[in-house]
Structure formats: structure tokens, C-alpha cells
Protein backbone atom coordinates (compact mmCIF):
# COMPACT_ATOMS: atom_id res chain seq x y z
CA UNK A 1 -7.41 -10.36 27.02
CA UNK A 2 -4.12 -9.16 28.45
CA UNK A 3 -3.01 -5.85 29.88
CA UNK A 4 0.50 -4.39 29.54
CA UNK A 5 1.33 -0.91 30.85
CA UNK A 6 -2.33 0.02 30.92
CA UNK A 7 -3.05 -1.10 27.36
CA UNK A 8 -5.61 -3.86 26.93
CA UNK A 9 -4.99 -6.33 24.15
CA UNK A 10 -7.85 -8.57 23.12
CA UNK A 11 -6.79 -11.72 21.30
CA UNK A 12 -9.28 -14.03 19.64
CA UNK A 13 -8.24 -17.44 18.36
CA UNK A 14 -9.48 -17.87 14.80
CA UNK A 15 -8.27 -21.42 14.25
CA UNK A 16 -5.27 -23.58 13.52
CA UNK A 17 -3.66 -24.06 10.13
CA UNK A 18 -1.66 -27.04 8.97
CA UNK A 19 -1.16 -25.99 5.34
CA UNK A 20 -0.49 -22.73 3.50
CA UNK A 21 -4.02 -22.84 2.09
CA UNK A 22 -5.58 -23.17 5.55
CA UNK A 23 -3.39 -20.32 6.78
CA UNK A 24 -4.53 -18.10 3.90
CA UNK A 25 -8.17 -18.80 4.79
CA UNK A 26 -7.56 -17.99 8.46
CA UNK A 27 -5.79 -14.74 7.56
CA UNK A 28 -8.83 -13.67 5.52
CA UNK A 29 -11.16 -14.64 8.38
CA UNK A 30 -9.06 -12.58 10.80
CA UNK A 31 -9.04 -9.56 8.45
CA UNK A 32 -12.83 -9.78 8.18
CA UNK A 33 -13.18 -9.92 11.97
CA UNK A 34 -10.89 -6.91 12.40
CA UNK A 35 -12.62 -4.93 9.68
CA UNK A 36 -16.14 -5.75 10.85
CA UNK A 37 -18.80 -3.64 9.13
CA UNK A 38 -16.32 -0.86 8.37
CA UNK A 39 -15.22 -0.29 4.78
CA UNK A 40 -11.49 -0.57 4.20
CA UNK A 41 -9.06 0.38 1.46
CA UNK A 42 -7.22 -2.42 -0.29
CA UNK A 43 -3.75 -1.01 0.32
CA UNK A 44 -2.22 -4.25 -0.95
CA UNK A 45 -3.56 -3.34 -4.41
CA UNK A 46 -1.46 -0.17 -4.65
CA UNK A 47 1.32 -0.58 -7.16
CA UNK A 48 4.71 0.60 -5.91
CA UNK A 49 6.48 3.19 -8.02
CA UNK A 50 9.22 1.96 -10.30
CA UNK A 51 12.63 3.14 -9.08
CA UNK A 52 15.09 3.61 -11.91
CA UNK A 53 17.96 5.20 -9.97
CA UNK A 54 19.11 5.39 -6.37
CA UNK A 55 17.03 7.87 -4.40
CA UNK A 56 18.68 10.99 -3.08
CA UNK A 57 16.96 13.41 -0.73
CA UNK A 58 17.83 16.92 -1.93
CA UNK A 59 15.28 18.85 0.10
CA UNK A 60 13.96 18.91 3.61
CA UNK A 61 12.94 15.45 4.80
CA UNK A 62 9.54 16.80 5.78
CA UNK A 63 8.95 17.92 2.17
CA UNK A 64 9.82 14.44 0.86
CA UNK A 65 7.47 12.86 3.38
CA UNK A 66 4.71 15.30 2.48
CA UNK A 67 5.11 14.55 -1.24
CA UNK A 68 4.93 10.80 -0.59
CA UNK A 69 1.77 11.30 1.46
CA UNK A 70 0.24 13.50 -1.25
CA UNK A 71 0.93 10.84 -3.87
CA UNK A 72 -0.63 8.13 -1.72
CA UNK A 73 -3.63 10.42 -1.17
CA UNK A 74 -3.98 10.81 -4.94
CA UNK A 75 -3.45 7.09 -5.59
CA UNK A 76 -6.38 6.35 -3.27
CA UNK A 77 -8.55 8.83 -5.18
CA UNK A 78 -8.95 11.44 -2.47
CA UNK A 79 -7.62 14.19 -4.72
CA UNK A 80 -10.83 13.95 -6.76
CA UNK A 81 -12.98 14.76 -3.73
CA UNK A 82 -11.69 18.32 -3.41
CA UNK A 83 -9.69 20.31 -0.93
CA UNK A 84 -10.50 19.72 2.69
CA UNK A 85 -8.82 20.57 5.96
CA UNK A 86 -7.09 17.19 5.88
CA UNK A 87 -5.30 17.84 2.58
CA UNK A 88 -4.65 21.55 2.70
CA UNK A 89 -4.79 23.07 6.14
CA UNK A 90 -1.14 22.73 7.15
CA UNK A 91 0.72 22.78 3.84
CA UNK A 92 3.47 25.32 3.37
CA UNK A 93 5.58 26.14 0.42
């Protein structure tokens, strides 16, 4: 454990790797330790959108950010759950 500016950081050694395969195993072990009993989304499985032309922001940046967040929300399946405070309480427009 270390402490920097009042923030404690706990570091646990999970092993040493000498090959790419060993490193991959250790990364999975570390992810499992971090996740614990908590369920997690496989964000690595999300497929990035295909970009066919250079992107141009033609509206407020906050609107673009909100639309990206809404799409990610839908990609994860939360749009099928229904409207909640988290997906509708602060939206304008």
C-alpha cells in the first residue's frame, strides 16, 4: 500500500510473466481479482462504429457527448429496461 496526497493505493503482485502467454494469463487473473464477485460488462466486446467520413461537430459539444452516451447505453441494452432517472432526468432538447 502507498499513500499519495491522501489517496491510498493498494497494489497486489499477481506474478511475473516471461512470455506473452503468461502475461495474458496474469492479466486475466488481475481482472478477476479486481472484479471480485461483482458482475461486469464486457466493454471490450462492443464493436466500434464504422466511420465513413471525417467527423464534424455541428452542434453543441454537450449534445454530441450526450448522443454518444445514449448510444453506448443502448448498445449495452439499458434502453430495453425502460426510462429511469439515470437516462431521462436531466435531458433537454
